[in-house]
Every structure is written in structure tokens, then in C-alpha cells.
Amino acid sequence: MIIPSNLLNISKDIGPDVTLVAVSKTKPVEDIKTAYDFGQRNFGENKVQELIKKSEELPNDINWHMIGHLQRNKVKYIVPFIHLIHSVDSLRLLKEINKQAKKQLKKVNVLIQVDISNDDSKFGFSLFEINDLFEKINYDDYQNILFKGLMGMASFTSNKEIIRKQFNSLNNVFQKFKKRHSFEYLSMGMSGDYIIALECGSNMIRLGSNIFGKR
């Protein structure tokens, strides 16, 4: 069950310029509603079916974030209402989002996911690929997409220097393309490493257990 003081303490830690996404995956609607009543408006889910169900049961002014790996055949189900897709990890997915957004006559906010951990289990563009993408991208091919920034996840390690190095590498890319592409968000930092992420320039963090307790 959510502890309201958790949200209050985190909000004090991060300040007004950082967007807190409450990772509500697997959490019941009642817990999300408690956080909502406390003022939280950004929630992150990683399963399309669960995301759709919760969006139908909860207030319509919630900003829903897709933070998990997104299959192309499920894009059409979330395009009508999604606030931000964090996990755009391939050109094929990017093209599918643009295609489905065009059908809905709308523009979809996305973050490009970058694999900064060199972990085979994680998705995303490599640092080399992300540089190549934004050096060569033709925005005329993606008129129904709004590129809002980058997202990355550090390695699952207790070595803070490794985590810091990975976050800094993503921030370097973000700063390189920020003005040129009007980026707004650098989404990095989760429950175990968000303090380091903030120190490395993150302005969007994704926290679950810190808010809702351990699963």
C-alpha cells in the first residue's frame, strides 16, 4: 500500500524541475488512486493490457507512460491515450508508432531508448546508433511523432561509479542533441539509482518501490 509520506519526501528531494513517474505496474487501482488523490499525475506501466485496463478505470487526467518493451502489434491500442512512450528501441517501432498516430490524426510523444548498460537482456539503440540516428534523421518521415528526449537504464550493479559513468554517457548524448532537436526529457533513474541519475542530469525518474513499497 502506498505511503503518502513517501511521495512527499521524494518530491522534496527531486525539486520542481524533475518529473516523477510513479511505476504502478502490478499495483491495484486502489493504490494508484491513493497516489492520484495525493497529487501524483504521472504513472508508468510496462504491459499494454494492464495499461489499457487501468486507463479505463482511473481519472482521465492521468498522464500514462509506457515504460516497458513495446511490441509493434500493440502500438495501435495505446496511441489514442498515451502521454509518453519511453521505450522506443528500434526504427521499426518508431515507424509503426508514426503509422498508427497518423491514422488517429494525432502526434505521439516518444523517448528514444538507449542501451547504456551493454546488457544483452536490455533493449535500445547503442550509443553509436543513437548518434547516427539523430545525425541522419529525416523528420518528414515522422510527422506524427514528437521526439521528446532519451531514456536509459543503468546496469544492475552496486558499483556506483559504473552507474555514474553510464548515466553521464547518456547525458552527453542528450546535451549534444538537446537544442538541435528540442529535447525536453532525459529519463533515467529508478528506485535504486535515482539519486545518482539526478546528479548526472536526469529530469525524469521512474520510481516504484520507493512509492508503493516492495512487490
N, C-alpha and C. Protein backbone atom coordinates (compact mmCIF):
# COMPACT_ATOMS: atom_id res chain seq x y z
N MET A 1 0.84 -1.20 0.00
CA MET A 1 0.00 0.00 0.00
C MET A 1 0.88 1.25 0.00
N ILE A 2 0.49 2.24 -0.75
CA ILE A 2 1.25 3.48 -0.84
C ILE A 2 1.29 4.20 0.51
N ILE A 3 2.43 4.77 0.82
CA ILE A 3 2.58 5.62 2.00
C ILE A 3 2.69 7.05 1.50
N PRO A 4 1.67 7.89 1.73
CA PRO A 4 1.70 9.26 1.20
C PRO A 4 2.97 10.02 1.54
N SER A 5 3.55 9.77 2.71
CA SER A 5 4.76 10.48 3.10
C SER A 5 5.91 10.16 2.15
N ASN A 6 5.88 8.96 1.55
CA ASN A 6 6.92 8.62 0.58
C ASN A 6 6.91 9.60 -0.59
N LEU A 7 5.73 9.86 -1.12
CA LEU A 7 5.61 10.80 -2.23
C LEU A 7 6.06 12.19 -1.82
N LEU A 8 5.68 12.60 -0.62
CA LEU A 8 6.05 13.92 -0.14
C LEU A 8 7.56 14.05 -0.01
N ASN A 9 8.20 13.05 0.55
CA ASN A 9 9.65 13.09 0.75
C ASN A 9 10.40 13.08 -0.58
N ILE A 10 9.93 12.25 -1.51
CA ILE A 10 10.58 12.18 -2.82
C ILE A 10 10.43 13.50 -3.55
N SER A 11 9.24 14.08 -3.48
CA SER A 11 9.00 15.36 -4.14
C SER A 11 9.94 16.44 -3.62
N LYS A 12 10.21 16.42 -2.32
CA LYS A 12 11.15 17.38 -1.73
C LYS A 12 12.57 17.13 -2.23
N ASP A 13 12.91 15.86 -2.40
CA ASP A 13 14.27 15.50 -2.83
C ASP A 13 14.54 15.93 -4.28
N ILE A 14 13.53 15.78 -5.15
CA ILE A 14 13.80 15.96 -6.57
C ILE A 14 13.57 17.39 -7.05
N GLY A 15 12.75 18.15 -6.37
CA GLY A 15 12.51 19.52 -6.79
C GLY A 15 11.51 19.63 -7.91
N PRO A 16 11.14 20.86 -8.26
CA PRO A 16 10.05 21.11 -9.21
C PRO A 16 10.40 20.87 -10.68
N ASP A 17 11.67 20.79 -10.99
CA ASP A 17 12.07 20.67 -12.40
C ASP A 17 12.23 19.23 -12.87
N VAL A 18 11.96 18.28 -11.98
CA VAL A 18 12.08 16.85 -12.31
C VAL A 18 10.70 16.22 -12.31
N THR A 19 10.39 15.48 -13.36
CA THR A 19 9.11 14.78 -13.46
C THR A 19 9.23 13.40 -12.81
N LEU A 20 8.36 13.15 -11.85
CA LEU A 20 8.33 11.85 -11.18
C LEU A 20 7.26 10.98 -11.82
N VAL A 21 7.70 9.85 -12.39
CA VAL A 21 6.76 8.87 -12.93
C VAL A 21 6.64 7.74 -11.91
N ALA A 22 5.45 7.58 -11.36
CA ALA A 22 5.20 6.52 -10.39
C ALA A 22 4.97 5.21 -11.15
N VAL A 23 5.86 4.26 -10.96
CA VAL A 23 5.77 2.98 -11.67
C VAL A 23 4.73 2.12 -10.97
N SER A 24 3.58 2.04 -11.61
CA SER A 24 2.41 1.41 -10.98
C SER A 24 2.14 0.01 -11.50
N LYS A 25 3.05 -0.57 -12.26
CA LYS A 25 2.84 -1.91 -12.80
C LYS A 25 2.61 -2.90 -11.67
N THR A 26 1.65 -3.77 -11.87
CA THR A 26 1.21 -4.82 -10.93
C THR A 26 0.48 -4.26 -9.72
N LYS A 27 0.41 -2.95 -9.58
CA LYS A 27 -0.25 -2.37 -8.42
C LYS A 27 -1.75 -2.23 -8.67
N PRO A 28 -2.56 -2.45 -7.64
CA PRO A 28 -4.02 -2.34 -7.82
C PRO A 28 -4.46 -0.90 -8.05
N VAL A 29 -5.62 -0.76 -8.66
CA VAL A 29 -6.18 0.55 -8.95
C VAL A 29 -6.31 1.39 -7.67
N GLU A 30 -6.63 0.74 -6.56
CA GLU A 30 -6.82 1.46 -5.30
C GLU A 30 -5.54 2.19 -4.88
N ASP A 31 -4.39 1.54 -5.06
CA ASP A 31 -3.12 2.18 -4.70
C ASP A 31 -2.82 3.37 -5.60
N ILE A 32 -3.12 3.20 -6.89
CA ILE A 32 -2.88 4.30 -7.83
C ILE A 32 -3.79 5.47 -7.50
N LYS A 33 -5.03 5.16 -7.14
CA LYS A 33 -5.98 6.23 -6.79
C LYS A 33 -5.52 6.98 -5.54
N THR A 34 -4.91 6.27 -4.60
CA THR A 34 -4.38 6.93 -3.41
C THR A 34 -3.28 7.92 -3.78
N ALA A 35 -2.39 7.49 -4.67
CA ALA A 35 -1.33 8.38 -5.14
C ALA A 35 -1.91 9.55 -5.92
N TYR A 36 -2.92 9.27 -6.73
CA TYR A 36 -3.60 10.32 -7.50
C TYR A 36 -4.21 11.36 -6.56
N ASP A 37 -4.89 10.90 -5.53
CA ASP A 37 -5.53 11.81 -4.58
C ASP A 37 -4.50 12.66 -3.84
N PHE A 38 -3.27 12.16 -3.78
CA PHE A 38 -2.19 12.90 -3.13
C PHE A 38 -1.54 13.90 -4.08
N GLY A 39 -1.97 13.87 -5.35
CA GLY A 39 -1.48 14.84 -6.32
C GLY A 39 -0.62 14.28 -7.43
N GLN A 40 -0.31 12.98 -7.39
CA GLN A 40 0.51 12.37 -8.43
C GLN A 40 -0.31 12.21 -9.72
N ARG A 41 0.27 12.59 -10.85
CA ARG A 41 -0.46 12.51 -12.12
C ARG A 41 0.24 11.68 -13.19
N ASN A 42 1.52 11.38 -13.00
CA ASN A 42 2.27 10.60 -14.00
C ASN A 42 2.50 9.18 -13.49
N PHE A 43 1.99 8.20 -14.26
CA PHE A 43 2.11 6.80 -13.87
C PHE A 43 2.68 5.98 -15.02
N GLY A 44 3.54 5.02 -14.69
CA GLY A 44 4.20 4.21 -15.71
C GLY A 44 3.81 2.75 -15.63
N GLU A 45 3.50 2.18 -16.78
CA GLU A 45 3.15 0.76 -16.89
C GLU A 45 4.03 0.10 -17.95
N ASN A 46 4.20 -1.22 -17.83
CA ASN A 46 5.06 -1.92 -18.79
C ASN A 46 4.33 -3.00 -19.58
N LYS A 47 3.03 -3.19 -19.31
CA LYS A 47 2.22 -4.16 -20.05
C LYS A 47 1.03 -3.46 -20.67
N VAL A 48 0.85 -3.63 -21.96
CA VAL A 48 -0.20 -2.91 -22.68
C VAL A 48 -1.58 -3.23 -22.13
N GLN A 49 -1.87 -4.50 -21.92
CA GLN A 49 -3.20 -4.89 -21.45
C GLN A 49 -3.52 -4.27 -20.09
N GLU A 50 -2.56 -4.29 -19.19
CA GLU A 50 -2.75 -3.71 -17.86
C GLU A 50 -2.90 -2.19 -17.95
N LEU A 51 -2.12 -1.60 -18.83
CA LEU A 51 -2.17 -0.15 -19.04
C LEU A 51 -3.56 0.28 -19.53
N ILE A 52 -4.09 -0.43 -20.49
CA ILE A 52 -5.41 -0.10 -21.04
C ILE A 52 -6.48 -0.24 -19.97
N LYS A 53 -6.44 -1.33 -19.23
CA LYS A 53 -7.45 -1.58 -18.20
C LYS A 53 -7.45 -0.47 -17.14
N LYS A 54 -6.28 -0.10 -16.69
CA LYS A 54 -6.18 0.93 -15.65
C LYS A 54 -6.60 2.29 -16.19
N SER A 55 -6.27 2.58 -17.44
CA SER A 55 -6.64 3.87 -18.02
C SER A 55 -8.15 4.02 -18.12
N GLU A 56 -8.85 2.91 -18.26
CA GLU A 56 -10.30 2.94 -18.36
C GLU A 56 -10.97 3.08 -16.99
N GLU A 57 -10.27 2.67 -15.93
CA GLU A 57 -10.86 2.65 -14.60
C GLU A 57 -10.50 3.87 -13.76
N LEU A 58 -9.48 4.62 -14.19
CA LEU A 58 -8.97 5.73 -13.39
C LEU A 58 -9.24 7.07 -14.06
N PRO A 59 -9.09 8.19 -13.36
CA PRO A 59 -9.40 9.51 -13.91
C PRO A 59 -8.68 9.79 -15.23
N ASN A 60 -9.37 10.51 -16.10
CA ASN A 60 -8.82 10.72 -17.44
C ASN A 60 -7.79 11.83 -17.53
N ASP A 61 -7.46 12.48 -16.42
CA ASP A 61 -6.39 13.47 -16.47
C ASP A 61 -5.05 12.90 -16.02
N ILE A 62 -4.99 11.57 -15.88
CA ILE A 62 -3.71 10.92 -15.59
C ILE A 62 -2.87 10.90 -16.86
N ASN A 63 -1.56 11.15 -16.70
CA ASN A 63 -0.60 11.03 -17.79
C ASN A 63 0.00 9.63 -17.75
N TRP A 64 -0.39 8.80 -18.71
CA TRP A 64 0.10 7.42 -18.73
C TRP A 64 1.38 7.32 -19.54
N HIS A 65 2.38 6.64 -18.95
CA HIS A 65 3.69 6.45 -19.59
C HIS A 65 3.88 4.97 -19.87
N MET A 66 4.25 4.64 -21.10
CA MET A 66 4.61 3.26 -21.44
C MET A 66 6.11 3.13 -21.25
N ILE A 67 6.51 2.36 -20.21
CA ILE A 67 7.93 2.30 -19.87
C ILE A 67 8.56 0.94 -20.19
N GLY A 68 7.74 -0.03 -20.60
CA GLY A 68 8.26 -1.36 -20.90
C GLY A 68 8.47 -1.56 -22.38
N HIS A 69 9.06 -2.69 -22.73
CA HIS A 69 9.28 -3.04 -24.14
C HIS A 69 7.93 -3.11 -24.84
N LEU A 70 7.80 -2.41 -25.95
CA LEU A 70 6.52 -2.30 -26.67
C LEU A 70 6.60 -3.07 -27.99
N GLN A 71 5.69 -4.04 -28.14
CA GLN A 71 5.61 -4.79 -29.39
C GLN A 71 4.85 -3.98 -30.43
N ARG A 72 5.29 -4.08 -31.66
CA ARG A 72 4.71 -3.25 -32.72
C ARG A 72 3.23 -3.54 -32.92
N ASN A 73 2.82 -4.78 -32.74
CA ASN A 73 1.41 -5.11 -32.98
C ASN A 73 0.47 -4.60 -31.89
N LYS A 74 1.03 -4.01 -30.83
CA LYS A 74 0.20 -3.48 -29.75
C LYS A 74 0.20 -1.95 -29.71
N VAL A 75 0.96 -1.34 -30.60
CA VAL A 75 1.04 0.12 -30.61
C VAL A 75 -0.32 0.77 -30.78
N LYS A 76 -1.12 0.21 -31.68
CA LYS A 76 -2.41 0.82 -32.02
C LYS A 76 -3.35 0.93 -30.83
N TYR A 77 -3.15 0.08 -29.82
CA TYR A 77 -4.06 0.09 -28.68
C TYR A 77 -3.79 1.22 -27.70
N ILE A 78 -2.57 1.74 -27.69
CA ILE A 78 -2.24 2.78 -26.71
C ILE A 78 -2.11 4.17 -27.33
N VAL A 79 -1.96 4.24 -28.64
CA VAL A 79 -1.80 5.53 -29.30
C VAL A 79 -2.91 6.53 -28.96
N PRO A 80 -4.17 6.09 -28.86
CA PRO A 80 -5.24 7.07 -28.62
C PRO A 80 -5.11 7.85 -27.31
N PHE A 81 -4.43 7.28 -26.30
CA PHE A 81 -4.45 7.95 -24.99
C PHE A 81 -3.08 8.10 -24.33
N ILE A 82 -2.04 7.50 -24.87
CA ILE A 82 -0.75 7.50 -24.17
C ILE A 82 -0.16 8.91 -24.12
N HIS A 83 0.44 9.23 -22.98
CA HIS A 83 1.07 10.54 -22.81
C HIS A 83 2.50 10.54 -23.34
N LEU A 84 3.25 9.47 -23.03
CA LEU A 84 4.65 9.40 -23.44
C LEU A 84 5.09 7.94 -23.52
N ILE A 85 5.70 7.57 -24.63
CA ILE A 85 6.30 6.24 -24.78
C ILE A 85 7.79 6.37 -24.54
N HIS A 86 8.28 5.75 -23.46
CA HIS A 86 9.69 5.86 -23.09
C HIS A 86 10.58 4.90 -23.88
N SER A 87 10.00 3.82 -24.35
CA SER A 87 10.80 2.65 -24.76
C SER A 87 10.84 2.42 -26.26
N VAL A 88 11.09 3.48 -27.02
CA VAL A 88 11.23 3.32 -28.48
C VAL A 88 12.65 2.85 -28.75
N ASP A 89 12.77 1.56 -29.07
CA ASP A 89 14.09 0.93 -29.12
C ASP A 89 14.52 0.48 -30.51
N SER A 90 13.74 0.84 -31.55
CA SER A 90 14.12 0.44 -32.91
C SER A 90 13.44 1.35 -33.92
N LEU A 91 14.00 1.40 -35.11
CA LEU A 91 13.39 2.17 -36.19
C LEU A 91 12.05 1.58 -36.60
N ARG A 92 11.94 0.26 -36.56
CA ARG A 92 10.68 -0.39 -36.94
C ARG A 92 9.55 0.01 -36.00
N LEU A 93 9.86 0.09 -34.72
CA LEU A 93 8.85 0.52 -33.76
C LEU A 93 8.51 2.00 -33.97
N LEU A 94 9.50 2.80 -34.23
CA LEU A 94 9.29 4.23 -34.47
C LEU A 94 8.35 4.44 -35.65
N LYS A 95 8.59 3.69 -36.71
CA LYS A 95 7.75 3.80 -37.91
C LYS A 95 6.32 3.34 -37.64
N GLU A 96 6.17 2.31 -36.82
CA GLU A 96 4.82 1.81 -36.50
C GLU A 96 4.06 2.83 -35.66
N ILE A 97 4.73 3.46 -34.72
CA ILE A 97 4.08 4.49 -33.91
C ILE A 97 3.62 5.64 -34.80
N ASN A 98 4.47 6.04 -35.71
CA ASN A 98 4.12 7.12 -36.63
C ASN A 98 2.91 6.73 -37.50
N LYS A 99 2.92 5.49 -37.96
CA LYS A 99 1.83 4.98 -38.80
C LYS A 99 0.49 5.00 -38.05
N GLN A 100 0.50 4.49 -36.82
CA GLN A 100 -0.74 4.42 -36.04
C GLN A 100 -1.19 5.81 -35.58
N ALA A 101 -0.24 6.67 -35.28
CA ALA A 101 -0.58 8.04 -34.89
C ALA A 101 -1.21 8.79 -36.05
N LYS A 102 -0.71 8.54 -37.25
CA LYS A 102 -1.27 9.18 -38.45
C LYS A 102 -2.73 8.76 -38.65
N LYS A 103 -3.02 7.49 -38.40
CA LYS A 103 -4.40 7.01 -38.52
C LYS A 103 -5.32 7.72 -37.52
N GLN A 104 -4.77 8.05 -36.36
CA GLN A 104 -5.56 8.69 -35.31
C GLN A 104 -5.56 10.22 -35.44
N LEU A 105 -4.85 10.71 -36.46
CA LEU A 105 -4.74 12.16 -36.69
C LEU A 105 -4.19 12.88 -35.47
N LYS A 106 -3.13 12.30 -34.89
CA LYS A 106 -2.54 12.92 -33.71
C LYS A 106 -1.03 12.75 -33.74
N LYS A 107 -0.36 13.41 -32.82
CA LYS A 107 1.08 13.27 -32.66
C LYS A 107 1.35 12.59 -31.32
N VAL A 108 2.31 11.69 -31.32
CA VAL A 108 2.62 10.92 -30.12
C VAL A 108 4.00 11.32 -29.59
N ASN A 109 4.06 11.56 -28.29
CA ASN A 109 5.33 11.89 -27.64
C ASN A 109 6.14 10.62 -27.41
N VAL A 110 7.43 10.67 -27.77
CA VAL A 110 8.28 9.50 -27.56
C VAL A 110 9.64 9.89 -27.01
N LEU A 111 10.24 8.93 -26.31
CA LEU A 111 11.64 8.99 -25.94
C LEU A 111 12.35 7.85 -26.65
N ILE A 112 13.55 8.10 -27.11
CA ILE A 112 14.33 7.04 -27.73
C ILE A 112 15.14 6.34 -26.65
N GLN A 113 14.97 5.03 -26.57
CA GLN A 113 15.66 4.25 -25.55
C GLN A 113 17.08 3.92 -26.01
N VAL A 114 18.04 4.20 -25.13
CA VAL A 114 19.45 3.95 -25.42
C VAL A 114 19.97 2.89 -24.45
N ASP A 115 20.64 1.89 -24.98
CA ASP A 115 21.22 0.84 -24.14
C ASP A 115 22.59 1.30 -23.66
N ILE A 116 22.64 1.78 -22.43
CA ILE A 116 23.90 2.28 -21.88
C ILE A 116 24.57 1.24 -20.99
N SER A 117 23.92 0.09 -20.81
CA SER A 117 24.41 -0.89 -19.85
C SER A 117 25.22 -2.02 -20.49
N ASN A 118 25.13 -2.14 -21.82
CA ASN A 118 25.75 -3.28 -22.53
C ASN A 118 25.26 -4.61 -21.99
N ASP A 119 24.00 -4.60 -21.55
CA ASP A 119 23.37 -5.81 -21.02
C ASP A 119 22.52 -6.42 -22.14
N ASP A 120 22.80 -7.68 -22.48
CA ASP A 120 22.10 -8.32 -23.59
C ASP A 120 20.60 -8.45 -23.34
N SER A 121 20.18 -8.36 -22.09
CA SER A 121 18.75 -8.51 -21.77
C SER A 121 17.99 -7.20 -21.94
N LYS A 122 18.70 -6.10 -22.15
CA LYS A 122 18.05 -4.80 -22.30
C LYS A 122 17.92 -4.42 -23.77
N PHE A 123 16.93 -3.59 -24.04
CA PHE A 123 16.67 -3.14 -25.39
C PHE A 123 17.22 -1.73 -25.59
N GLY A 124 17.23 -1.28 -26.84
CA GLY A 124 17.61 0.10 -27.10
C GLY A 124 18.68 0.24 -28.16
N PHE A 125 18.82 1.46 -28.64
CA PHE A 125 19.89 1.80 -29.56
C PHE A 125 21.21 1.86 -28.80
N SER A 126 22.29 1.47 -29.45
CA SER A 126 23.61 1.65 -28.83
C SER A 126 23.97 3.13 -28.89
N LEU A 127 24.99 3.52 -28.15
CA LEU A 127 25.43 4.92 -28.19
C LEU A 127 25.86 5.32 -29.59
N PHE A 128 26.47 4.40 -30.30
CA PHE A 128 26.87 4.70 -31.68
C PHE A 128 25.64 4.87 -32.56
N GLU A 129 24.66 3.96 -32.40
CA GLU A 129 23.46 4.03 -33.24
C GLU A 129 22.64 5.28 -32.98
N ILE A 130 22.61 5.73 -31.72
CA ILE A 130 21.80 6.90 -31.40
C ILE A 130 22.42 8.15 -32.01
N ASN A 131 23.72 8.24 -32.01
CA ASN A 131 24.38 9.35 -32.68
C ASN A 131 24.08 9.34 -34.17
N ASP A 132 24.16 8.17 -34.76
CA ASP A 132 23.90 8.03 -36.19
C ASP A 132 22.45 8.38 -36.52
N LEU A 133 21.52 7.96 -35.65
CA LEU A 133 20.10 8.22 -35.87
C LEU A 133 19.83 9.72 -35.93
N PHE A 134 20.31 10.45 -34.96
CA PHE A 134 19.96 11.87 -34.89
C PHE A 134 20.82 12.75 -35.80
N GLU A 135 21.90 12.19 -36.31
CA GLU A 135 22.65 12.94 -37.31
C GLU A 135 21.97 12.85 -38.68
N LYS A 136 21.25 11.75 -38.91
CA LYS A 136 20.72 11.48 -40.25
C LYS A 136 19.19 11.51 -40.35
N ILE A 137 18.50 11.66 -39.22
CA ILE A 137 17.06 11.51 -39.24
C ILE A 137 16.38 12.54 -40.13
N ASN A 138 15.37 12.09 -40.86
CA ASN A 138 14.56 12.97 -41.70
C ASN A 138 13.19 13.09 -41.04
N TYR A 139 12.91 14.25 -40.46
CA TYR A 139 11.68 14.42 -39.71
C TYR A 139 10.44 14.36 -40.59
N ASP A 140 10.61 14.54 -41.88
CA ASP A 140 9.46 14.42 -42.78
C ASP A 140 8.89 13.00 -42.77
N ASP A 141 9.73 12.04 -42.39
CA ASP A 141 9.28 10.65 -42.32
C ASP A 141 8.52 10.35 -41.03
N TYR A 142 8.54 11.29 -40.09
CA TYR A 142 7.93 11.04 -38.78
C TYR A 142 7.10 12.26 -38.35
N GLN A 143 6.19 12.66 -39.19
CA GLN A 143 5.42 13.87 -38.93
C GLN A 143 4.38 13.70 -37.82
N ASN A 144 4.13 12.47 -37.41
CA ASN A 144 3.16 12.24 -36.34
C ASN A 144 3.83 11.82 -35.04
N ILE A 145 5.12 12.12 -34.95
CA ILE A 145 5.87 11.82 -33.74
C ILE A 145 6.53 13.09 -33.23
N LEU A 146 6.48 13.27 -31.90
CA LEU A 146 7.20 14.35 -31.25
C LEU A 146 8.33 13.73 -30.43
N PHE A 147 9.56 13.99 -30.85
CA PHE A 147 10.72 13.46 -30.16
C PHE A 147 10.99 14.30 -28.91
N LYS A 148 10.78 13.72 -27.75
CA LYS A 148 10.87 14.48 -26.51
C LYS A 148 12.18 14.28 -25.76
N GLY A 149 12.99 13.29 -26.18
CA GLY A 149 14.26 13.10 -25.50
C GLY A 149 14.72 11.66 -25.50
N LEU A 150 15.48 11.30 -24.46
CA LEU A 150 16.11 9.98 -24.38
C LEU A 150 15.79 9.30 -23.06
N MET A 151 15.83 7.97 -23.09
CA MET A 151 15.65 7.16 -21.89
C MET A 151 16.72 6.09 -21.84
N GLY A 152 17.21 5.81 -20.63
CA GLY A 152 18.19 4.74 -20.48
C GLY A 152 18.15 4.14 -19.09
N MET A 153 18.61 2.89 -18.98
CA MET A 153 18.68 2.19 -17.71
C MET A 153 20.11 1.74 -17.47
N ALA A 154 20.62 2.02 -16.30
CA ALA A 154 21.98 1.61 -15.96
C ALA A 154 22.02 0.13 -15.60
N SER A 155 23.22 -0.40 -15.51
CA SER A 155 23.41 -1.80 -15.13
C SER A 155 22.89 -2.05 -13.71
N PHE A 156 22.45 -3.28 -13.47
CA PHE A 156 22.08 -3.68 -12.11
C PHE A 156 23.35 -4.07 -11.37
N THR A 157 23.95 -3.09 -10.74
CA THR A 157 25.21 -3.31 -10.04
C THR A 157 25.26 -2.40 -8.82
N SER A 158 26.03 -2.80 -7.83
CA SER A 158 26.22 -1.97 -6.64
C SER A 158 27.37 -0.98 -6.82
N ASN A 159 28.05 -1.09 -7.95
CA ASN A 159 29.19 -0.21 -8.23
C ASN A 159 28.67 1.14 -8.73
N LYS A 160 28.70 2.13 -7.85
CA LYS A 160 28.13 3.43 -8.19
C LYS A 160 28.90 4.14 -9.29
N GLU A 161 30.19 3.86 -9.39
CA GLU A 161 30.98 4.52 -10.44
C GLU A 161 30.60 4.02 -11.82
N ILE A 162 30.27 2.74 -11.93
CA ILE A 162 29.80 2.20 -13.21
C ILE A 162 28.48 2.85 -13.58
N ILE A 163 27.57 2.94 -12.61
CA ILE A 163 26.26 3.56 -12.85
C ILE A 163 26.44 5.02 -13.27
N ARG A 164 27.29 5.74 -12.56
CA ARG A 164 27.52 7.16 -12.85
C ARG A 164 28.10 7.33 -14.26
N LYS A 165 29.03 6.48 -14.61
CA LYS A 165 29.65 6.55 -15.94
C LYS A 165 28.62 6.32 -17.03
N GLN A 166 27.72 5.37 -16.82
CA GLN A 166 26.69 5.06 -17.83
C GLN A 166 25.69 6.21 -17.96
N PHE A 167 25.26 6.76 -16.83
CA PHE A 167 24.34 7.90 -16.87
C PHE A 167 24.99 9.11 -17.53
N ASN A 168 26.24 9.36 -17.21
CA ASN A 168 26.93 10.50 -17.82
C ASN A 168 27.07 10.34 -19.32
N SER A 169 27.27 9.10 -19.77
CA SER A 169 27.40 8.87 -21.21
C SER A 169 26.10 9.21 -21.93
N LEU A 170 24.96 8.91 -21.29
CA LEU A 170 23.67 9.24 -21.91
C LEU A 170 23.42 10.74 -21.85
N ASN A 171 23.77 11.37 -20.76
CA ASN A 171 23.60 12.82 -20.65
C ASN A 171 24.44 13.55 -21.70
N ASN A 172 25.62 13.03 -22.00
CA ASN A 172 26.46 13.65 -23.03
C ASN A 172 25.76 13.65 -24.38
N VAL A 173 25.10 12.53 -24.71
CA VAL A 173 24.37 12.46 -25.97
C VAL A 173 23.17 13.41 -25.93
N PHE A 174 22.48 13.42 -24.80
CA PHE A 174 21.32 14.30 -24.64
C PHE A 174 21.71 15.76 -24.85
N GLN A 175 22.79 16.18 -24.23
CA GLN A 175 23.23 17.56 -24.35
C GLN A 175 23.66 17.88 -25.79
N LYS A 176 24.23 16.91 -26.46
CA LYS A 176 24.68 17.11 -27.84
C LYS A 176 23.52 17.45 -28.77
N PHE A 177 22.39 16.77 -28.57
CA PHE A 177 21.27 16.92 -29.49
C PHE A 177 20.10 17.72 -28.92
N LYS A 178 20.20 18.15 -27.68
CA LYS A 178 19.08 18.78 -26.98
C LYS A 178 18.51 19.98 -27.73
N LYS A 179 19.34 20.94 -28.05
CA LYS A 179 18.85 22.15 -28.71
C LYS A 179 18.47 21.88 -30.17
N ARG A 180 19.26 21.07 -30.83
CA ARG A 180 19.02 20.80 -32.24
C ARG A 180 17.68 20.13 -32.48
N HIS A 181 17.28 19.27 -31.55
CA HIS A 181 16.05 18.50 -31.73
C HIS A 181 14.97 18.86 -30.71
N SER A 182 15.17 19.94 -29.97
CA SER A 182 14.18 20.44 -29.00
C SER A 182 13.81 19.38 -27.96
N PHE A 183 14.80 18.62 -27.49
CA PHE A 183 14.55 17.62 -26.47
C PHE A 183 14.16 18.28 -25.15
N GLU A 184 13.27 17.63 -24.41
CA GLU A 184 12.84 18.11 -23.10
C GLU A 184 13.26 17.18 -21.97
N TYR A 185 13.23 15.87 -22.22
CA TYR A 185 13.37 14.93 -21.12
C TYR A 185 14.56 13.99 -21.28
N LEU A 186 15.28 13.84 -20.17
CA LEU A 186 16.29 12.81 -20.05
C LEU A 186 15.80 11.88 -18.95
N SER A 187 15.20 10.77 -19.35
CA SER A 187 14.56 9.85 -18.42
C SER A 187 15.55 8.76 -18.01
N MET A 188 16.09 8.90 -16.82
CA MET A 188 16.98 7.86 -16.28
C MET A 188 16.96 7.96 -14.76
N GLY A 189 17.01 6.80 -14.15
CA GLY A 189 16.94 6.73 -12.70
C GLY A 189 15.72 5.99 -12.24
N MET A 190 15.96 4.91 -11.48
CA MET A 190 14.87 4.13 -10.89
C MET A 190 15.08 4.07 -9.38
N SER A 191 14.34 3.22 -8.72
CA SER A 191 14.33 3.23 -7.26
C SER A 191 15.72 3.11 -6.64
N GLY A 192 16.58 2.29 -7.22
CA GLY A 192 17.88 2.06 -6.61
C GLY A 192 18.97 3.03 -7.00
N ASP A 193 18.75 3.81 -8.05
CA ASP A 193 19.85 4.65 -8.53
C ASP A 193 19.42 6.07 -8.92
N TYR A 194 18.22 6.48 -8.50
CA TYR A 194 17.74 7.76 -8.99
C TYR A 194 18.52 8.96 -8.46
N ILE A 195 19.11 8.84 -7.27
CA ILE A 195 19.91 9.94 -6.74
C ILE A 195 21.12 10.18 -7.64
N ILE A 196 21.78 9.11 -8.05
CA ILE A 196 22.92 9.24 -8.97
C ILE A 196 22.45 9.82 -10.30
N ALA A 197 21.29 9.35 -10.77
CA ALA A 197 20.76 9.83 -12.04
C ALA A 197 20.51 11.34 -11.99
N LEU A 198 19.95 11.82 -10.89
CA LEU A 198 19.71 13.25 -10.75
C LEU A 198 21.02 14.03 -10.76
N GLU A 199 22.02 13.49 -10.12
CA GLU A 199 23.34 14.13 -10.10
C GLU A 199 23.95 14.17 -11.50
N CYS A 200 23.52 13.24 -12.35
CA CYS A 200 24.07 13.15 -13.71
C CYS A 200 23.18 13.84 -14.74
N GLY A 201 22.18 14.60 -14.28
CA GLY A 201 21.41 15.41 -15.20
C GLY A 201 20.02 14.94 -15.55
N SER A 202 19.55 13.85 -14.95
CA SER A 202 18.20 13.37 -15.25
C SER A 202 17.15 14.38 -14.81
N ASN A 203 16.10 14.53 -15.63
CA ASN A 203 14.97 15.38 -15.21
C ASN A 203 13.65 14.62 -15.28
N MET A 204 13.75 13.28 -15.37
CA MET A 204 12.58 12.42 -15.29
C MET A 204 13.02 11.09 -14.68
N ILE A 205 12.40 10.73 -13.55
CA ILE A 205 12.78 9.48 -12.88
C ILE A 205 11.56 8.59 -12.77
N ARG A 206 11.81 7.28 -12.70
CA ARG A 206 10.75 6.28 -12.68
C ARG A 206 10.87 5.45 -11.40
N LEU A 207 9.99 5.71 -10.44
CA LEU A 207 10.11 5.07 -9.14
C LEU A 207 8.87 4.23 -8.82
N GLY A 208 9.13 3.01 -8.35
CA GLY A 208 8.04 2.12 -7.98
C GLY A 208 8.04 1.79 -6.51
N SER A 209 9.03 1.00 -6.07
CA SER A 209 9.04 0.52 -4.68
C SER A 209 9.21 1.66 -3.69
N ASN A 210 9.88 2.74 -4.09
CA ASN A 210 10.03 3.89 -3.20
C ASN A 210 8.69 4.52 -2.85
N ILE A 211 7.73 4.34 -3.74
CA ILE A 211 6.40 4.94 -3.56
C ILE A 211 5.40 3.92 -3.03
N PHE A 212 5.33 2.77 -3.69
CA PHE A 212 4.29 1.79 -3.39
C PHE A 212 4.75 0.68 -2.43
N GLY A 213 6.04 0.65 -2.12
CA GLY A 213 6.57 -0.43 -1.29
C GLY A 213 7.04 -1.59 -2.15
N LYS A 214 7.71 -2.52 -1.52
CA LYS A 214 8.27 -3.67 -2.22
C LYS A 214 7.15 -4.54 -2.79
N ARG A 215 7.41 -5.13 -4.00
CA ARG A 215 6.43 -6.03 -4.59
C ARG A 215 6.46 -7.37 -3.88
